[in-house]
Amino acid sequence: MEIHELAADAWRLAEREPGPRVVLGLVGPPAAGKSTLARALVAEVERRRGPGAAGYLPLDGFHLSNAQLDRLGLASRKGSAPSFDVHGYAALLHRTVTETGHAIYVPDYDRTLHEPVAARHLIRPGTRLVVTEGNYLACDEPGWTAARRWMAEVWYVDAPVEVRDRRLVARQLAGGRTAAEARAWVDTNDRPNGEQVERVRGNCDRVLPPIGLDISNGRD
């Protein structure tokens, strides 16, 4: 399926749902291509509907800081579900849907700093469609279910295991790990995280086949 078809489907969802703003969630294992697809959808909707018609809200902006991960003993499980501020994420989704009269600033994750950064993205007052993406959007645990209630639909982004594995190793190498360290991180952290996501695939409204978009930037 081409990006223009998916963007058209996303916009039809926005037109179908009541209210001034609709959130579409993209979920999938690490390195499935979620953020690349989300940004492509936003760009295509804006190309068709005008600047500000769509906005981007990544879960990655709600990574706990490295200091908080150290405090909680989660440094070796960075990227796992407990390493995110899920309640902060759910609260921002709530604001996104209900506070449409002013700008909403959205955090992101900086892969150079290896830390979350505030206010990198902007959702404008007239934005009709917001695309959010992350690993755990379809999970059944408390916090994630609170976030899910603000999404009109959640689409599962699929990708072959071997493709995701190759991307994940490349991401760790780009982040400064040695080949051995990258392999160990993927095997002990990214792979279990991906398996958790795969188990809740049935909670999604739609499963997308692998999308042929360039994700050489190392995002997921």
N, C-alpha and C. Protein backbone atom coordinates (compact mmCIF):
# COMPACT_ATOMS: atom_id res chain seq x y z
N MET A 1 0.84 -1.20 0.00
CA MET A 1 0.00 0.00 0.00
C MET A 1 0.88 1.25 0.00
N GLU A 2 0.53 2.24 -0.79
CA GLU A 2 1.31 3.46 -0.93
C GLU A 2 0.95 4.46 0.17
N ILE A 3 1.88 5.39 0.43
CA ILE A 3 1.67 6.36 1.50
C ILE A 3 0.46 7.24 1.23
N HIS A 4 0.18 7.57 -0.04
CA HIS A 4 -0.98 8.42 -0.31
C HIS A 4 -2.28 7.70 0.03
N GLU A 5 -2.31 6.37 -0.11
CA GLU A 5 -3.51 5.61 0.25
C GLU A 5 -3.71 5.58 1.76
N LEU A 6 -2.62 5.38 2.50
CA LEU A 6 -2.71 5.36 3.96
C LEU A 6 -3.08 6.74 4.50
N ALA A 7 -2.54 7.78 3.89
CA ALA A 7 -2.88 9.14 4.33
C ALA A 7 -4.36 9.42 4.07
N ALA A 8 -4.87 8.95 2.95
CA ALA A 8 -6.30 9.13 2.65
C ALA A 8 -7.15 8.39 3.67
N ASP A 9 -6.75 7.18 4.05
CA ASP A 9 -7.48 6.42 5.07
C ASP A 9 -7.44 7.14 6.41
N ALA A 10 -6.28 7.68 6.76
CA ALA A 10 -6.15 8.39 8.02
C ALA A 10 -7.04 9.63 8.05
N TRP A 11 -7.11 10.34 6.92
CA TRP A 11 -7.95 11.53 6.88
C TRP A 11 -9.43 11.17 6.93
N ARG A 12 -9.79 10.07 6.30
CA ARG A 12 -11.19 9.63 6.38
C ARG A 12 -11.56 9.30 7.82
N LEU A 13 -10.62 8.75 8.58
CA LEU A 13 -10.85 8.49 9.99
C LEU A 13 -11.10 9.80 10.73
N ALA A 14 -10.32 10.82 10.42
CA ALA A 14 -10.51 12.12 11.06
C ALA A 14 -11.87 12.72 10.71
N GLU A 15 -12.31 12.53 9.48
CA GLU A 15 -13.60 13.07 9.07
C GLU A 15 -14.76 12.28 9.67
N ARG A 16 -14.53 11.00 9.91
CA ARG A 16 -15.59 10.13 10.42
C ARG A 16 -15.87 10.37 11.89
N GLU A 17 -14.82 10.62 12.66
CA GLU A 17 -14.96 10.73 14.11
C GLU A 17 -15.49 12.10 14.51
N PRO A 18 -16.30 12.16 15.57
CA PRO A 18 -16.80 13.46 16.03
C PRO A 18 -15.70 14.25 16.74
N GLY A 19 -15.94 15.51 16.90
CA GLY A 19 -14.99 16.36 17.61
C GLY A 19 -14.03 17.04 16.66
N PRO A 20 -13.36 18.07 17.17
CA PRO A 20 -12.47 18.87 16.31
C PRO A 20 -11.13 18.22 16.02
N ARG A 21 -10.75 17.17 16.78
CA ARG A 21 -9.43 16.57 16.58
C ARG A 21 -9.48 15.08 16.85
N VAL A 22 -8.73 14.33 16.04
CA VAL A 22 -8.69 12.87 16.14
C VAL A 22 -7.23 12.42 16.23
N VAL A 23 -6.99 11.41 17.06
CA VAL A 23 -5.65 10.83 17.19
C VAL A 23 -5.63 9.43 16.59
N LEU A 24 -4.69 9.19 15.69
CA LEU A 24 -4.43 7.87 15.14
C LEU A 24 -3.15 7.34 15.75
N GLY A 25 -3.20 6.11 16.30
CA GLY A 25 -2.03 5.50 16.88
C GLY A 25 -1.39 4.49 15.95
N LEU A 26 -0.07 4.49 15.89
CA LEU A 26 0.71 3.48 15.17
C LEU A 26 1.54 2.72 16.19
N VAL A 27 1.39 1.41 16.20
CA VAL A 27 2.11 0.58 17.17
C VAL A 27 2.86 -0.51 16.42
N GLY A 28 3.91 -1.00 17.02
CA GLY A 28 4.67 -2.08 16.41
C GLY A 28 5.94 -2.31 17.19
N PRO A 29 6.64 -3.40 16.93
CA PRO A 29 7.89 -3.69 17.65
C PRO A 29 8.95 -2.65 17.34
N PRO A 30 10.02 -2.60 18.14
CA PRO A 30 11.11 -1.69 17.84
C PRO A 30 11.65 -1.89 16.43
N ALA A 31 11.87 -0.78 15.73
CA ALA A 31 12.45 -0.76 14.38
C ALA A 31 11.51 -1.30 13.31
N ALA A 32 10.21 -1.32 13.58
CA ALA A 32 9.26 -1.73 12.55
C ALA A 32 9.05 -0.64 11.51
N GLY A 33 9.38 0.60 11.84
CA GLY A 33 9.18 1.72 10.92
C GLY A 33 8.07 2.67 11.33
N LYS A 34 7.70 2.66 12.62
CA LYS A 34 6.56 3.45 13.08
C LYS A 34 6.77 4.95 12.92
N SER A 35 7.89 5.45 13.42
CA SER A 35 8.09 6.90 13.38
C SER A 35 8.27 7.39 11.95
N THR A 36 8.94 6.60 11.12
CA THR A 36 9.09 6.98 9.72
C THR A 36 7.73 7.06 9.04
N LEU A 37 6.89 6.07 9.28
CA LEU A 37 5.55 6.07 8.70
C LEU A 37 4.72 7.22 9.26
N ALA A 38 4.81 7.46 10.56
CA ALA A 38 4.03 8.55 11.17
C ALA A 38 4.39 9.89 10.55
N ARG A 39 5.67 10.16 10.41
CA ARG A 39 6.09 11.44 9.82
C ARG A 39 5.68 11.53 8.36
N ALA A 40 5.75 10.40 7.65
CA ALA A 40 5.33 10.40 6.24
C ALA A 40 3.83 10.66 6.12
N LEU A 41 3.04 10.08 7.02
CA LEU A 41 1.60 10.33 7.00
C LEU A 41 1.29 11.80 7.26
N VAL A 42 1.95 12.37 8.26
CA VAL A 42 1.73 13.79 8.57
C VAL A 42 2.10 14.65 7.37
N ALA A 43 3.25 14.38 6.75
CA ALA A 43 3.69 15.17 5.61
C ALA A 43 2.72 15.06 4.43
N GLU A 44 2.22 13.83 4.20
CA GLU A 44 1.31 13.63 3.07
C GLU A 44 -0.04 14.31 3.32
N VAL A 45 -0.54 14.21 4.54
CA VAL A 45 -1.80 14.89 4.86
C VAL A 45 -1.64 16.39 4.72
N GLU A 46 -0.53 16.93 5.18
CA GLU A 46 -0.32 18.37 5.06
C GLU A 46 -0.14 18.78 3.60
N ARG A 47 0.46 17.92 2.80
CA ARG A 47 0.59 18.24 1.37
C ARG A 47 -0.78 18.35 0.72
N ARG A 48 -1.70 17.48 1.14
CA ARG A 48 -3.03 17.46 0.55
C ARG A 48 -3.97 18.50 1.16
N ARG A 49 -3.84 18.69 2.48
CA ARG A 49 -4.83 19.49 3.20
C ARG A 49 -4.31 20.83 3.69
N GLY A 50 -3.01 21.04 3.57
CA GLY A 50 -2.44 22.31 3.97
C GLY A 50 -1.62 22.21 5.24
N PRO A 51 -0.69 23.15 5.45
CA PRO A 51 0.14 23.14 6.65
C PRO A 51 -0.69 23.17 7.93
N GLY A 52 -0.31 22.35 8.89
CA GLY A 52 -1.01 22.30 10.16
C GLY A 52 -2.22 21.40 10.20
N ALA A 53 -2.56 20.76 9.08
CA ALA A 53 -3.71 19.85 9.09
C ALA A 53 -3.45 18.61 9.94
N ALA A 54 -2.18 18.21 10.05
CA ALA A 54 -1.82 17.03 10.82
C ALA A 54 -0.65 17.36 11.74
N GLY A 55 -0.52 16.60 12.80
CA GLY A 55 0.56 16.79 13.76
C GLY A 55 1.13 15.46 14.22
N TYR A 56 2.30 15.51 14.82
CA TYR A 56 3.06 14.32 15.21
C TYR A 56 3.30 14.33 16.71
N LEU A 57 3.02 13.17 17.36
CA LEU A 57 3.18 13.06 18.82
C LEU A 57 3.82 11.71 19.14
N PRO A 58 5.14 11.64 19.25
CA PRO A 58 5.81 10.36 19.50
C PRO A 58 5.84 9.99 20.97
N LEU A 59 5.61 8.71 21.25
CA LEU A 59 5.77 8.20 22.61
C LEU A 59 7.20 8.39 23.10
N ASP A 60 8.18 8.34 22.19
CA ASP A 60 9.59 8.43 22.59
C ASP A 60 9.90 9.67 23.42
N GLY A 61 9.11 10.73 23.25
CA GLY A 61 9.33 11.92 24.06
C GLY A 61 9.08 11.70 25.53
N PHE A 62 8.46 10.58 25.87
CA PHE A 62 8.14 10.26 27.27
C PHE A 62 9.06 9.20 27.85
N HIS A 63 10.20 8.95 27.19
CA HIS A 63 11.27 8.20 27.83
C HIS A 63 11.61 8.88 29.16
N LEU A 64 11.81 8.09 30.20
CA LEU A 64 12.36 8.66 31.43
C LEU A 64 13.80 9.08 31.17
N SER A 65 14.24 10.11 31.86
CA SER A 65 15.63 10.55 31.72
C SER A 65 16.58 9.46 32.22
N ASN A 66 17.83 9.55 31.81
CA ASN A 66 18.81 8.58 32.26
C ASN A 66 18.98 8.61 33.78
N ALA A 67 18.85 9.79 34.36
CA ALA A 67 18.96 9.89 35.82
C ALA A 67 17.83 9.12 36.50
N GLN A 68 16.61 9.23 35.98
CA GLN A 68 15.48 8.50 36.57
C GLN A 68 15.60 7.00 36.32
N LEU A 69 16.11 6.61 35.15
CA LEU A 69 16.32 5.19 34.89
C LEU A 69 17.34 4.60 35.86
N ASP A 70 18.40 5.35 36.14
CA ASP A 70 19.40 4.89 37.11
C ASP A 70 18.76 4.75 38.49
N ARG A 71 17.95 5.73 38.85
CA ARG A 71 17.30 5.69 40.17
C ARG A 71 16.40 4.47 40.32
N LEU A 72 15.72 4.11 39.24
CA LEU A 72 14.77 3.01 39.26
C LEU A 72 15.40 1.65 38.93
N GLY A 73 16.68 1.65 38.61
CA GLY A 73 17.33 0.40 38.23
C GLY A 73 16.91 -0.11 36.87
N LEU A 74 16.55 0.82 35.96
CA LEU A 74 16.04 0.43 34.65
C LEU A 74 16.99 0.81 33.50
N ALA A 75 18.21 1.19 33.82
CA ALA A 75 19.12 1.64 32.76
C ALA A 75 19.36 0.55 31.73
N SER A 76 19.42 -0.69 32.17
CA SER A 76 19.66 -1.80 31.23
C SER A 76 18.40 -2.21 30.48
N ARG A 77 17.25 -1.61 30.83
CA ARG A 77 15.98 -1.93 30.17
C ARG A 77 15.37 -0.69 29.54
N LYS A 78 16.22 0.25 29.16
CA LYS A 78 15.75 1.46 28.50
C LYS A 78 15.02 1.09 27.22
N GLY A 79 13.82 1.63 27.05
CA GLY A 79 12.98 1.27 25.92
C GLY A 79 11.91 0.25 26.26
N SER A 80 12.00 -0.36 27.45
CA SER A 80 10.94 -1.27 27.89
C SER A 80 9.75 -0.45 28.38
N ALA A 81 8.61 -1.09 28.54
CA ALA A 81 7.40 -0.36 28.91
C ALA A 81 7.54 0.45 30.21
N PRO A 82 8.18 -0.11 31.27
CA PRO A 82 8.29 0.68 32.51
C PRO A 82 9.22 1.87 32.41
N SER A 83 9.99 1.98 31.33
CA SER A 83 10.95 3.07 31.21
C SER A 83 10.34 4.32 30.57
N PHE A 84 9.02 4.33 30.41
CA PHE A 84 8.31 5.48 29.87
C PHE A 84 7.39 6.09 30.93
N ASP A 85 7.19 7.39 30.83
CA ASP A 85 6.20 8.08 31.66
C ASP A 85 4.85 7.94 30.99
N VAL A 86 4.22 6.78 31.17
CA VAL A 86 2.98 6.50 30.45
C VAL A 86 1.85 7.42 30.91
N HIS A 87 1.85 7.80 32.18
CA HIS A 87 0.77 8.67 32.67
C HIS A 87 0.92 10.08 32.09
N GLY A 88 2.15 10.54 31.92
CA GLY A 88 2.36 11.82 31.26
C GLY A 88 1.94 11.77 29.80
N TYR A 89 2.22 10.64 29.16
CA TYR A 89 1.81 10.44 27.76
C TYR A 89 0.29 10.46 27.64
N ALA A 90 -0.40 9.72 28.51
CA ALA A 90 -1.86 9.69 28.48
C ALA A 90 -2.43 11.08 28.73
N ALA A 91 -1.81 11.83 29.65
CA ALA A 91 -2.30 13.18 29.94
C ALA A 91 -2.14 14.10 28.74
N LEU A 92 -1.04 13.97 28.00
CA LEU A 92 -0.87 14.82 26.83
C LEU A 92 -1.83 14.43 25.72
N LEU A 93 -2.11 13.15 25.55
CA LEU A 93 -3.12 12.73 24.58
C LEU A 93 -4.49 13.32 24.94
N HIS A 94 -4.82 13.28 26.22
CA HIS A 94 -6.08 13.88 26.68
C HIS A 94 -6.13 15.35 26.31
N ARG A 95 -5.05 16.07 26.60
CA ARG A 95 -5.00 17.50 26.26
C ARG A 95 -5.11 17.70 24.75
N THR A 96 -4.45 16.83 24.01
CA THR A 96 -4.46 16.96 22.55
C THR A 96 -5.87 16.88 21.99
N VAL A 97 -6.67 15.99 22.53
CA VAL A 97 -8.04 15.80 22.04
C VAL A 97 -8.98 16.88 22.55
N THR A 98 -8.77 17.35 23.77
CA THR A 98 -9.76 18.22 24.40
C THR A 98 -9.38 19.70 24.39
N GLU A 99 -8.10 20.03 24.26
CA GLU A 99 -7.67 21.43 24.28
C GLU A 99 -7.25 21.83 22.88
N THR A 100 -8.20 22.19 22.08
CA THR A 100 -7.92 22.46 20.67
C THR A 100 -7.84 23.95 20.35
N GLY A 101 -7.96 24.80 21.36
CA GLY A 101 -7.97 26.24 21.11
C GLY A 101 -6.62 26.92 21.23
N HIS A 102 -5.57 26.15 21.58
CA HIS A 102 -4.24 26.76 21.70
C HIS A 102 -3.19 25.73 21.30
N ALA A 103 -1.98 26.21 21.09
CA ALA A 103 -0.89 25.32 20.69
C ALA A 103 -0.54 24.35 21.81
N ILE A 104 -0.19 23.12 21.42
CA ILE A 104 0.27 22.11 22.37
C ILE A 104 1.68 21.69 21.94
N TYR A 105 2.60 21.76 22.89
CA TYR A 105 3.99 21.42 22.61
C TYR A 105 4.26 19.97 23.01
N VAL A 106 5.01 19.28 22.16
CA VAL A 106 5.18 17.83 22.29
C VAL A 106 6.66 17.49 22.42
N PRO A 107 7.04 16.71 23.43
CA PRO A 107 8.45 16.32 23.58
C PRO A 107 8.85 15.24 22.59
N ASP A 108 10.14 15.03 22.48
CA ASP A 108 10.69 13.99 21.60
C ASP A 108 11.90 13.38 22.29
N TYR A 109 12.50 12.40 21.64
CA TYR A 109 13.72 11.77 22.16
C TYR A 109 14.87 12.10 21.21
N ASP A 110 15.98 12.54 21.77
CA ASP A 110 17.15 12.90 20.97
C ASP A 110 18.16 11.77 21.01
N ARG A 111 18.41 11.16 19.87
CA ARG A 111 19.31 10.00 19.81
C ARG A 111 20.78 10.39 19.82
N THR A 112 21.07 11.68 19.76
CA THR A 112 22.44 12.14 19.96
C THR A 112 22.72 12.36 21.44
N LEU A 113 21.77 13.02 22.11
CA LEU A 113 21.88 13.23 23.56
C LEU A 113 21.55 11.98 24.36
N HIS A 114 20.78 11.07 23.75
CA HIS A 114 20.25 9.89 24.45
C HIS A 114 19.37 10.30 25.63
N GLU A 115 18.61 11.36 25.43
CA GLU A 115 17.71 11.89 26.45
C GLU A 115 16.45 12.44 25.79
N PRO A 116 15.33 12.49 26.53
CA PRO A 116 14.15 13.19 26.01
C PRO A 116 14.39 14.70 26.01
N VAL A 117 13.75 15.39 25.08
CA VAL A 117 13.86 16.85 24.99
C VAL A 117 12.45 17.43 24.90
N ALA A 118 12.25 18.57 25.51
CA ALA A 118 10.92 19.17 25.57
C ALA A 118 10.59 19.94 24.30
N ALA A 119 9.30 19.99 23.96
CA ALA A 119 8.73 20.95 23.00
C ALA A 119 9.37 20.92 21.62
N ARG A 120 9.79 19.76 21.14
CA ARG A 120 10.36 19.70 19.79
C ARG A 120 9.27 19.78 18.72
N HIS A 121 8.08 19.24 19.02
CA HIS A 121 7.00 19.24 18.04
C HIS A 121 5.87 20.14 18.52
N LEU A 122 5.07 20.58 17.56
CA LEU A 122 3.98 21.51 17.84
C LEU A 122 2.69 21.01 17.19
N ILE A 123 1.62 20.99 17.97
CA ILE A 123 0.29 20.73 17.44
C ILE A 123 -0.46 22.05 17.47
N ARG A 124 -0.84 22.52 16.29
CA ARG A 124 -1.46 23.84 16.17
C ARG A 124 -2.96 23.78 16.51
N PRO A 125 -3.55 24.90 16.87
CA PRO A 125 -4.98 24.90 17.22
C PRO A 125 -5.88 24.31 16.14
N GLY A 126 -5.57 24.52 14.86
CA GLY A 126 -6.42 24.02 13.79
C GLY A 126 -6.11 22.62 13.31
N THR A 127 -5.17 21.95 13.96
CA THR A 127 -4.80 20.59 13.54
C THR A 127 -5.96 19.63 13.74
N ARG A 128 -6.32 18.91 12.68
CA ARG A 128 -7.45 17.98 12.73
C ARG A 128 -7.02 16.56 13.07
N LEU A 129 -5.88 16.12 12.54
CA LEU A 129 -5.40 14.75 12.72
C LEU A 129 -4.05 14.77 13.40
N VAL A 130 -3.93 14.01 14.48
CA VAL A 130 -2.64 13.83 15.17
C VAL A 130 -2.25 12.37 15.07
N VAL A 131 -1.03 12.12 14.61
CA VAL A 131 -0.51 10.76 14.52
C VAL A 131 0.48 10.55 15.66
N THR A 132 0.17 9.59 16.51
CA THR A 132 1.08 9.21 17.59
C THR A 132 1.60 7.82 17.33
N GLU A 133 2.80 7.53 17.80
CA GLU A 133 3.37 6.21 17.55
C GLU A 133 4.26 5.78 18.71
N GLY A 134 4.32 4.46 18.91
CA GLY A 134 5.16 3.91 19.97
C GLY A 134 4.98 2.42 20.08
N ASN A 135 5.82 1.80 20.87
CA ASN A 135 5.82 0.34 20.98
C ASN A 135 4.60 -0.21 21.70
N TYR A 136 4.11 0.49 22.72
CA TYR A 136 3.22 -0.15 23.70
C TYR A 136 1.79 0.38 23.67
N LEU A 137 1.40 1.03 22.60
CA LEU A 137 0.10 1.70 22.55
C LEU A 137 -1.08 0.74 22.65
N ALA A 138 -0.88 -0.54 22.32
CA ALA A 138 -1.98 -1.51 22.36
C ALA A 138 -1.91 -2.42 23.58
N CYS A 139 -1.02 -2.13 24.52
CA CYS A 139 -0.88 -3.00 25.69
C CYS A 139 -2.07 -2.86 26.63
N ASP A 140 -2.32 -3.91 27.40
CA ASP A 140 -3.49 -3.96 28.27
C ASP A 140 -3.22 -3.46 29.69
N GLU A 141 -1.99 -3.12 30.00
CA GLU A 141 -1.64 -2.74 31.36
C GLU A 141 -2.16 -1.34 31.70
N PRO A 142 -2.35 -1.08 33.02
CA PRO A 142 -2.78 0.26 33.44
C PRO A 142 -1.82 1.32 32.92
N GLY A 143 -2.37 2.46 32.60
CA GLY A 143 -1.58 3.53 32.00
C GLY A 143 -1.67 3.48 30.49
N TRP A 144 -1.33 2.35 29.92
CA TRP A 144 -1.43 2.19 28.46
C TRP A 144 -2.89 2.16 28.02
N THR A 145 -3.74 1.53 28.81
CA THR A 145 -5.17 1.53 28.47
C THR A 145 -5.76 2.93 28.61
N ALA A 146 -5.25 3.71 29.57
CA ALA A 146 -5.72 5.10 29.72
C ALA A 146 -5.31 5.93 28.51
N ALA A 147 -4.12 5.67 27.98
CA ALA A 147 -3.68 6.38 26.78
C ALA A 147 -4.50 5.95 25.56
N ARG A 148 -4.79 4.67 25.48
CA ARG A 148 -5.49 4.12 24.31
C ARG A 148 -6.88 4.74 24.13
N ARG A 149 -7.52 5.13 25.20
CA ARG A 149 -8.89 5.63 25.10
C ARG A 149 -8.98 6.92 24.29
N TRP A 150 -7.86 7.63 24.14
CA TRP A 150 -7.87 8.88 23.39
C TRP A 150 -7.53 8.71 21.92
N MET A 151 -7.30 7.47 21.48
CA MET A 151 -6.99 7.20 20.08
C MET A 151 -8.22 6.63 19.38
N ALA A 152 -8.56 7.21 18.24
CA ALA A 152 -9.72 6.72 17.49
C ALA A 152 -9.47 5.31 16.97
N GLU A 153 -8.27 5.06 16.47
CA GLU A 153 -7.87 3.73 16.02
C GLU A 153 -6.39 3.55 16.29
N VAL A 154 -5.97 2.28 16.35
CA VAL A 154 -4.56 1.93 16.46
C VAL A 154 -4.23 0.97 15.33
N TRP A 155 -3.21 1.31 14.53
CA TRP A 155 -2.77 0.46 13.43
C TRP A 155 -1.44 -0.19 13.80
N TYR A 156 -1.33 -1.47 13.52
CA TYR A 156 -0.11 -2.22 13.80
C TYR A 156 0.81 -2.18 12.58
N VAL A 157 2.04 -1.73 12.79
CA VAL A 157 3.03 -1.64 11.72
C VAL A 157 3.90 -2.90 11.77
N ASP A 158 3.79 -3.72 10.74
CA ASP A 158 4.49 -5.00 10.71
C ASP A 158 5.81 -4.87 9.96
N ALA A 159 6.76 -5.73 10.30
CA ALA A 159 8.03 -5.81 9.58
C ALA A 159 8.66 -7.15 9.94
N PRO A 160 9.35 -7.82 9.00
CA PRO A 160 9.98 -9.10 9.28
C PRO A 160 11.01 -9.00 10.41
N VAL A 161 11.11 -10.06 11.20
CA VAL A 161 12.02 -10.08 12.34
C VAL A 161 13.45 -9.78 11.91
N GLU A 162 13.89 -10.40 10.81
CA GLU A 162 15.27 -10.21 10.39
C GLU A 162 15.55 -8.78 9.96
N VAL A 163 14.56 -8.11 9.40
CA VAL A 163 14.72 -6.71 9.01
C VAL A 163 14.83 -5.84 10.25
N ARG A 164 13.96 -6.06 11.21
CA ARG A 164 14.00 -5.29 12.45
C ARG A 164 15.32 -5.51 13.18
N ASP A 165 15.79 -6.75 13.21
CA ASP A 165 17.04 -7.06 13.89
C ASP A 165 18.20 -6.29 13.26
N ARG A 166 18.26 -6.26 11.96
CA ARG A 166 19.33 -5.55 11.26
C ARG A 166 19.27 -4.05 11.57
N ARG A 167 18.08 -3.50 11.56
CA ARG A 167 17.94 -2.08 11.87
C ARG A 167 18.34 -1.77 13.30
N LEU A 168 17.97 -2.65 14.23
CA LEU A 168 18.27 -2.42 15.64
C LEU A 168 19.76 -2.45 15.90
N VAL A 169 20.46 -3.40 15.31
CA VAL A 169 21.91 -3.46 15.48
C VAL A 169 22.56 -2.21 14.90
N ALA A 170 22.11 -1.79 13.72
CA ALA A 170 22.65 -0.58 13.11
C ALA A 170 22.40 0.64 13.99
N ARG A 171 21.24 0.70 14.61
CA ARG A 171 20.91 1.82 15.50
C ARG A 171 21.88 1.88 16.67
N GLN A 172 22.17 0.73 17.28
CA GLN A 172 23.09 0.71 18.42
C GLN A 172 24.51 1.04 18.01
N LEU A 173 24.92 0.59 16.85
CA LEU A 173 26.25 0.94 16.34
C LEU A 173 26.35 2.45 16.12
N ALA A 174 25.30 3.03 15.55
CA ALA A 174 25.28 4.47 15.31
C ALA A 174 25.31 5.25 16.63
N GLY A 175 24.77 4.64 17.68
CA GLY A 175 24.76 5.29 18.98
C GLY A 175 26.06 5.15 19.75
N GLY A 176 27.04 4.45 19.18
CA GLY A 176 28.36 4.39 19.79
C GLY A 176 28.73 3.07 20.43
N ARG A 177 27.86 2.05 20.37
CA ARG A 177 28.20 0.76 20.94
C ARG A 177 29.10 -0.03 19.99
N THR A 178 29.89 -0.93 20.56
CA THR A 178 30.67 -1.84 19.73
C THR A 178 29.74 -2.88 19.13
N ALA A 179 30.25 -3.67 18.20
CA ALA A 179 29.42 -4.71 17.57
C ALA A 179 28.91 -5.69 18.61
N ALA A 180 29.79 -6.09 19.55
CA ALA A 180 29.38 -7.04 20.59
C ALA A 180 28.34 -6.42 21.52
N GLU A 181 28.56 -5.16 21.88
CA GLU A 181 27.60 -4.48 22.76
C GLU A 181 26.25 -4.31 22.07
N ALA A 182 26.28 -3.96 20.78
CA ALA A 182 25.04 -3.79 20.03
C ALA A 182 24.26 -5.09 19.97
N ARG A 183 24.96 -6.18 19.68
CA ARG A 183 24.31 -7.49 19.60
C ARG A 183 23.69 -7.88 20.95
N ALA A 184 24.42 -7.63 22.02
CA ALA A 184 23.93 -7.99 23.36
C ALA A 184 22.71 -7.14 23.72
N TRP A 185 22.74 -5.85 23.39
CA TRP A 185 21.60 -4.98 23.71
C TRP A 185 20.34 -5.43 22.98
N VAL A 186 20.48 -5.73 21.72
CA VAL A 186 19.34 -6.17 20.93
C VAL A 186 18.78 -7.48 21.48
N ASP A 187 19.65 -8.41 21.82
CA ASP A 187 19.21 -9.73 22.29
C ASP A 187 18.55 -9.68 23.66
N THR A 188 19.06 -8.83 24.55
CA THR A 188 18.58 -8.84 25.94
C THR A 188 17.53 -7.77 26.22
N ASN A 189 17.40 -6.78 25.34
CA ASN A 189 16.47 -5.69 25.60
C ASN A 189 15.46 -5.49 24.47
N ASP A 190 15.94 -5.19 23.27
CA ASP A 190 15.04 -4.90 22.17
C ASP A 190 14.18 -6.10 21.79
N ARG A 191 14.77 -7.30 21.78
CA ARG A 191 14.00 -8.48 21.37
C ARG A 191 12.86 -8.78 22.35
N PRO A 192 13.12 -8.80 23.68
CA PRO A 192 11.98 -9.01 24.60
C PRO A 192 10.91 -7.93 24.48
N ASN A 193 11.33 -6.69 24.27
CA ASN A 193 10.35 -5.61 24.08
C ASN A 193 9.49 -5.87 22.85
N GLY A 194 10.13 -6.30 21.77
CA GLY A 194 9.38 -6.60 20.56
C GLY A 194 8.41 -7.75 20.73
N GLU A 195 8.82 -8.77 21.48
CA GLU A 195 7.94 -9.91 21.72
C GLU A 195 6.72 -9.49 22.53
N GLN A 196 6.90 -8.56 23.48
CA GLN A 196 5.75 -8.07 24.24
C GLN A 196 4.76 -7.36 23.32
N VAL A 197 5.28 -6.57 22.39
CA VAL A 197 4.42 -5.85 21.46
C VAL A 197 3.69 -6.82 20.53
N GLU A 198 4.40 -7.80 20.04
CA GLU A 198 3.79 -8.76 19.12
C GLU A 198 2.63 -9.50 19.76
N ARG A 199 2.69 -9.71 21.06
CA ARG A 199 1.61 -10.46 21.75
C ARG A 199 0.29 -9.70 21.78
N VAL A 200 0.32 -8.37 21.62
CA VAL A 200 -0.92 -7.59 21.67
C VAL A 200 -1.34 -7.10 20.29
N ARG A 201 -0.78 -7.70 19.27
CA ARG A 201 -1.13 -7.34 17.89
C ARG A 201 -2.65 -7.44 17.68
N GLY A 202 -3.30 -8.43 18.30
CA GLY A 202 -4.73 -8.62 18.14
C GLY A 202 -5.57 -7.50 18.73
N ASN A 203 -4.97 -6.63 19.54
CA ASN A 203 -5.70 -5.50 20.11
C ASN A 203 -5.84 -4.34 19.12
N CYS A 204 -5.19 -4.43 17.98
CA CYS A 204 -5.15 -3.32 17.04
C CYS A 204 -6.33 -3.37 16.06
N ASP A 205 -6.69 -2.22 15.53
CA ASP A 205 -7.81 -2.12 14.61
C ASP A 205 -7.45 -2.54 13.20
N ARG A 206 -6.16 -2.49 12.88
CA ARG A 206 -5.72 -2.77 11.51
C ARG A 206 -4.25 -3.17 11.54
N VAL A 207 -3.88 -4.12 10.70
CA VAL A 207 -2.48 -4.53 10.57
C VAL A 207 -1.98 -4.10 9.20
N LEU A 208 -0.92 -3.31 9.20
CA LEU A 208 -0.34 -2.83 7.95
C LEU A 208 0.79 -3.76 7.52
N PRO A 209 0.87 -4.09 6.26
CA PRO A 209 2.01 -4.88 5.77
C PRO A 209 3.27 -4.03 5.83
N PRO A 210 4.44 -4.66 5.71
CA PRO A 210 5.69 -3.88 5.71
C PRO A 210 5.63 -2.74 4.69
N ILE A 211 6.01 -1.56 5.14
CA ILE A 211 5.94 -0.37 4.32
C ILE A 211 7.33 -0.08 3.74
N GLY A 212 7.40 0.15 2.46
CA GLY A 212 8.68 0.39 1.80
C GLY A 212 9.12 1.83 1.89
N LEU A 213 9.39 2.32 3.12
CA LEU A 213 9.87 3.67 3.30
C LEU A 213 11.30 3.65 3.79
N ASP A 214 12.05 4.71 3.50
CA ASP A 214 13.44 4.80 3.91
C ASP A 214 13.51 5.06 5.40
N ILE A 215 14.12 4.15 6.16
CA ILE A 215 14.30 4.40 7.59
C ILE A 215 15.79 4.37 7.94
N SER A 216 16.60 4.82 7.02
CA SER A 216 18.04 4.81 7.24
C SER A 216 18.48 5.75 8.34
N ASN A 217 17.55 6.62 8.81
CA ASN A 217 17.90 7.53 9.89
C ASN A 217 17.95 6.84 11.25
N GLY A 218 17.59 5.55 11.32
CA GLY A 218 17.72 4.81 12.55
C GLY A 218 16.56 4.92 13.50
N ARG A 219 15.50 5.63 13.12
CA ARG A 219 14.33 5.69 13.98
C ARG A 219 13.47 4.45 13.78
N ASP A 220 12.47 4.29 14.65
CA ASP A 220 11.65 3.08 14.53
C ASP A 220 10.21 3.37 14.11
